[in-house]
Amino acid sequence: MKWTSILAIYCLFWVMSAFVVMPFFVRTSEEEGQPLIPGQAESAPHKFRPGAIALWTTALSALIFGLYYANYVNGWLSASDFDFTR
């Protein structure tokens, strides 16, 4: 596998993992016991922590990509394993 393919697939896993990780770090002002700022939506996060999200996203995407690459090298699963029409 070329390094450019590895980078592109890892970036796809990173973006997918970001959407999985983000909801775990959202705490609203109500959950924190703080008053809302006028005009603030009730569902808005009290403190947005992009560093923690990026760290967890990187760890999760590295794990998922590691499993993907191990499957690519060892051939544990292939497209024919998911052909349920036969």
N, C-alpha and C. Protein backbone atom coordinates (compact mmCIF):
# COMPACT_ATOMS: atom_id res chain seq x y z
N MET A 1 0.85 -1.17 0.00
CA MET A 1 0.00 0.00 0.00
C MET A 1 0.90 1.24 0.00
N LYS A 2 0.59 2.18 -0.85
CA LYS A 2 1.38 3.41 -0.93
C LYS A 2 1.12 4.28 0.30
N TRP A 3 2.11 5.12 0.62
CA TRP A 3 1.99 5.97 1.81
C TRP A 3 0.87 7.00 1.63
N THR A 4 0.62 7.41 0.38
CA THR A 4 -0.46 8.37 0.15
C THR A 4 -1.83 7.73 0.42
N SER A 5 -1.96 6.45 0.08
CA SER A 5 -3.20 5.73 0.38
C SER A 5 -3.37 5.57 1.88
N ILE A 6 -2.27 5.27 2.56
CA ILE A 6 -2.32 5.13 4.02
C ILE A 6 -2.77 6.45 4.64
N LEU A 7 -2.20 7.56 4.20
CA LEU A 7 -2.55 8.87 4.73
C LEU A 7 -4.01 9.21 4.46
N ALA A 8 -4.48 8.95 3.24
CA ALA A 8 -5.86 9.27 2.89
C ALA A 8 -6.85 8.44 3.70
N ILE A 9 -6.58 7.16 3.86
CA ILE A 9 -7.48 6.29 4.64
C ILE A 9 -7.45 6.68 6.10
N TYR A 10 -6.26 7.00 6.64
CA TYR A 10 -6.17 7.42 8.03
C TYR A 10 -6.96 8.72 8.25
N CYS A 11 -6.87 9.66 7.32
CA CYS A 11 -7.63 10.91 7.44
C CYS A 11 -9.14 10.65 7.44
N LEU A 12 -9.59 9.71 6.62
CA LEU A 12 -11.00 9.35 6.62
C LEU A 12 -11.41 8.77 7.97
N PHE A 13 -10.58 7.89 8.53
CA PHE A 13 -10.87 7.33 9.85
C PHE A 13 -10.83 8.42 10.92
N TRP A 14 -9.95 9.40 10.77
CA TRP A 14 -9.84 10.47 11.77
C TRP A 14 -11.12 11.31 11.79
N VAL A 15 -11.61 11.69 10.61
CA VAL A 15 -12.83 12.50 10.54
C VAL A 15 -14.02 11.71 11.07
N MET A 16 -14.12 10.43 10.70
CA MET A 16 -15.21 9.60 11.19
C MET A 16 -15.14 9.48 12.72
N SER A 17 -13.96 9.30 13.25
CA SER A 17 -13.78 9.18 14.69
C SER A 17 -14.12 10.48 15.41
N ALA A 18 -13.86 11.62 14.78
CA ALA A 18 -14.18 12.91 15.40
C ALA A 18 -15.67 13.02 15.66
N PHE A 19 -16.49 12.57 14.72
CA PHE A 19 -17.93 12.62 14.91
C PHE A 19 -18.40 11.64 15.98
N VAL A 20 -17.65 10.58 16.19
CA VAL A 20 -17.98 9.62 17.25
C VAL A 20 -17.58 10.18 18.62
N VAL A 21 -16.44 10.85 18.70
CA VAL A 21 -15.89 11.32 19.96
C VAL A 21 -16.55 12.60 20.47
N MET A 22 -16.93 13.49 19.58
CA MET A 22 -17.43 14.81 20.00
C MET A 22 -18.56 14.79 21.02
N PRO A 23 -19.57 13.96 20.88
CA PRO A 23 -20.66 14.01 21.86
C PRO A 23 -20.24 13.65 23.29
N PHE A 24 -19.15 12.94 23.45
CA PHE A 24 -18.73 12.54 24.79
C PHE A 24 -18.12 13.70 25.58
N PHE A 25 -17.76 14.78 24.95
CA PHE A 25 -17.11 15.89 25.63
C PHE A 25 -18.00 17.12 25.72
N VAL A 26 -19.29 16.97 25.46
CA VAL A 26 -20.20 18.11 25.50
C VAL A 26 -20.92 18.12 26.84
N ARG A 27 -20.73 19.19 27.57
CA ARG A 27 -21.48 19.44 28.81
C ARG A 27 -22.06 20.83 28.69
N THR A 28 -23.37 20.93 28.84
CA THR A 28 -24.04 22.22 28.71
C THR A 28 -23.84 23.06 29.96
N SER A 29 -24.21 24.32 29.86
CA SER A 29 -24.11 25.21 31.02
C SER A 29 -24.99 24.73 32.16
N GLU A 30 -26.15 24.18 31.83
CA GLU A 30 -27.06 23.66 32.86
C GLU A 30 -26.41 22.50 33.61
N GLU A 31 -25.73 21.60 32.89
CA GLU A 31 -25.05 20.47 33.54
C GLU A 31 -23.89 20.94 34.40
N GLU A 32 -23.28 22.05 34.02
CA GLU A 32 -22.16 22.61 34.78
C GLU A 32 -22.64 23.49 35.93
N GLY A 33 -23.94 23.78 35.97
CA GLY A 33 -24.48 24.63 37.02
C GLY A 33 -24.19 26.10 36.81
N GLN A 34 -23.98 26.51 35.58
CA GLN A 34 -23.66 27.90 35.25
C GLN A 34 -24.86 28.53 34.55
N PRO A 35 -25.03 29.83 34.71
CA PRO A 35 -26.14 30.50 34.01
C PRO A 35 -25.84 30.64 32.52
N LEU A 36 -26.90 30.69 31.74
CA LEU A 36 -26.75 30.89 30.30
C LEU A 36 -26.41 32.34 30.00
N ILE A 37 -25.60 32.54 28.99
CA ILE A 37 -25.31 33.89 28.49
C ILE A 37 -26.49 34.29 27.62
N PRO A 38 -26.96 35.53 27.68
CA PRO A 38 -28.10 35.93 26.85
C PRO A 38 -27.84 35.64 25.37
N GLY A 39 -28.79 34.95 24.75
CA GLY A 39 -28.67 34.57 23.35
C GLY A 39 -28.05 33.21 23.13
N GLN A 40 -27.57 32.57 24.19
CA GLN A 40 -26.93 31.27 24.06
C GLN A 40 -27.98 30.17 23.99
N ALA A 41 -27.79 29.22 23.09
CA ALA A 41 -28.69 28.08 22.99
C ALA A 41 -28.49 27.17 24.20
N GLU A 42 -29.57 26.56 24.65
CA GLU A 42 -29.48 25.69 25.82
C GLU A 42 -28.58 24.48 25.57
N SER A 43 -28.49 24.06 24.33
CA SER A 43 -27.69 22.87 24.00
C SER A 43 -26.22 23.19 23.71
N ALA A 44 -25.85 24.47 23.74
CA ALA A 44 -24.47 24.86 23.44
C ALA A 44 -23.52 24.37 24.53
N PRO A 45 -22.33 23.91 24.17
CA PRO A 45 -21.38 23.46 25.19
C PRO A 45 -20.93 24.62 26.08
N HIS A 46 -20.71 24.31 27.35
CA HIS A 46 -20.24 25.33 28.28
C HIS A 46 -18.78 25.67 27.99
N LYS A 47 -17.95 24.66 27.86
CA LYS A 47 -16.54 24.84 27.49
C LYS A 47 -16.23 23.89 26.35
N PHE A 48 -15.80 24.44 25.24
CA PHE A 48 -15.41 23.62 24.10
C PHE A 48 -13.93 23.28 24.25
N ARG A 49 -13.60 22.00 24.28
CA ARG A 49 -12.23 21.55 24.49
C ARG A 49 -11.71 20.83 23.25
N PRO A 50 -11.24 21.57 22.24
CA PRO A 50 -10.80 20.93 21.00
C PRO A 50 -9.56 20.07 21.19
N GLY A 51 -8.71 20.40 22.15
CA GLY A 51 -7.50 19.60 22.38
C GLY A 51 -7.83 18.19 22.85
N ALA A 52 -8.77 18.08 23.78
CA ALA A 52 -9.18 16.76 24.28
C ALA A 52 -9.87 15.96 23.17
N ILE A 53 -10.69 16.64 22.39
CA ILE A 53 -11.38 15.97 21.29
C ILE A 53 -10.37 15.47 20.27
N ALA A 54 -9.39 16.29 19.92
CA ALA A 54 -8.38 15.89 18.95
C ALA A 54 -7.53 14.73 19.46
N LEU A 55 -7.19 14.75 20.75
CA LEU A 55 -6.39 13.67 21.33
C LEU A 55 -7.14 12.34 21.30
N TRP A 56 -8.38 12.35 21.77
CA TRP A 56 -9.18 11.12 21.75
C TRP A 56 -9.47 10.65 20.34
N THR A 57 -9.71 11.60 19.43
CA THR A 57 -9.96 11.26 18.04
C THR A 57 -8.75 10.61 17.40
N THR A 58 -7.57 11.15 17.68
CA THR A 58 -6.34 10.58 17.14
C THR A 58 -6.11 9.17 17.66
N ALA A 59 -6.35 8.96 18.95
CA ALA A 59 -6.16 7.63 19.53
C ALA A 59 -7.14 6.63 18.94
N LEU A 60 -8.41 7.02 18.83
CA LEU A 60 -9.42 6.11 18.28
C LEU A 60 -9.16 5.81 16.82
N SER A 61 -8.81 6.82 16.04
CA SER A 61 -8.55 6.59 14.61
C SER A 61 -7.30 5.75 14.40
N ALA A 62 -6.29 5.90 15.26
CA ALA A 62 -5.10 5.06 15.15
C ALA A 62 -5.44 3.60 15.42
N LEU A 63 -6.29 3.36 16.41
CA LEU A 63 -6.72 1.99 16.72
C LEU A 63 -7.51 1.39 15.56
N ILE A 64 -8.47 2.14 15.04
CA ILE A 64 -9.29 1.64 13.93
C ILE A 64 -8.43 1.42 12.69
N PHE A 65 -7.52 2.36 12.40
CA PHE A 65 -6.67 2.19 11.23
C PHE A 65 -5.73 1.00 11.42
N GLY A 66 -5.23 0.79 12.64
CA GLY A 66 -4.38 -0.37 12.90
C GLY A 66 -5.10 -1.67 12.61
N LEU A 67 -6.36 -1.76 13.01
CA LEU A 67 -7.15 -2.95 12.71
C LEU A 67 -7.39 -3.09 11.20
N TYR A 68 -7.67 -1.97 10.55
CA TYR A 68 -7.87 -1.99 9.10
C TYR A 68 -6.60 -2.47 8.38
N TYR A 69 -5.46 -1.93 8.78
CA TYR A 69 -4.22 -2.29 8.11
C TYR A 69 -3.83 -3.75 8.39
N ALA A 70 -4.07 -4.20 9.62
CA ALA A 70 -3.79 -5.61 9.94
C ALA A 70 -4.67 -6.53 9.10
N ASN A 71 -5.92 -6.15 8.88
CA ASN A 71 -6.79 -6.93 8.01
C ASN A 71 -6.30 -6.89 6.57
N TYR A 72 -5.82 -5.73 6.13
CA TYR A 72 -5.30 -5.59 4.77
C TYR A 72 -4.10 -6.51 4.55
N VAL A 73 -3.20 -6.57 5.52
CA VAL A 73 -1.98 -7.38 5.40
C VAL A 73 -2.30 -8.87 5.52
N ASN A 74 -3.14 -9.23 6.50
CA ASN A 74 -3.40 -10.64 6.78
C ASN A 74 -4.60 -11.22 6.04
N GLY A 75 -5.44 -10.40 5.50
CA GLY A 75 -6.58 -10.87 4.72
C GLY A 75 -7.62 -11.62 5.52
N TRP A 76 -7.91 -11.16 6.73
CA TRP A 76 -8.90 -11.83 7.58
C TRP A 76 -10.29 -11.77 6.97
N LEU A 77 -10.69 -10.60 6.50
CA LEU A 77 -12.00 -10.39 5.88
C LEU A 77 -11.80 -9.83 4.48
N SER A 78 -12.64 -10.26 3.56
CA SER A 78 -12.59 -9.72 2.20
C SER A 78 -14.00 -9.37 1.77
N ALA A 79 -14.14 -8.77 0.61
CA ALA A 79 -15.45 -8.37 0.12
C ALA A 79 -16.35 -9.58 -0.09
N SER A 80 -15.79 -10.70 -0.46
CA SER A 80 -16.61 -11.90 -0.68
C SER A 80 -17.21 -12.43 0.61
N ASP A 81 -16.62 -12.11 1.76
CA ASP A 81 -17.19 -12.53 3.03
C ASP A 81 -18.50 -11.81 3.35
N PHE A 82 -18.75 -10.69 2.68
CA PHE A 82 -19.95 -9.91 2.92
C PHE A 82 -20.97 -10.03 1.78
N ASP A 83 -20.77 -11.00 0.89
CA ASP A 83 -21.71 -11.23 -0.21
C ASP A 83 -22.77 -12.19 0.30
N PHE A 84 -23.91 -11.64 0.69
CA PHE A 84 -24.98 -12.45 1.28
C PHE A 84 -25.98 -12.94 0.23
N THR A 85 -25.70 -12.68 -1.05
CA THR A 85 -26.63 -13.09 -2.10
C THR A 85 -26.36 -14.49 -2.62
N ARG A 86 -25.27 -15.11 -2.23
CA ARG A 86 -24.97 -16.44 -2.77
C ARG A 86 -25.58 -17.52 -1.94
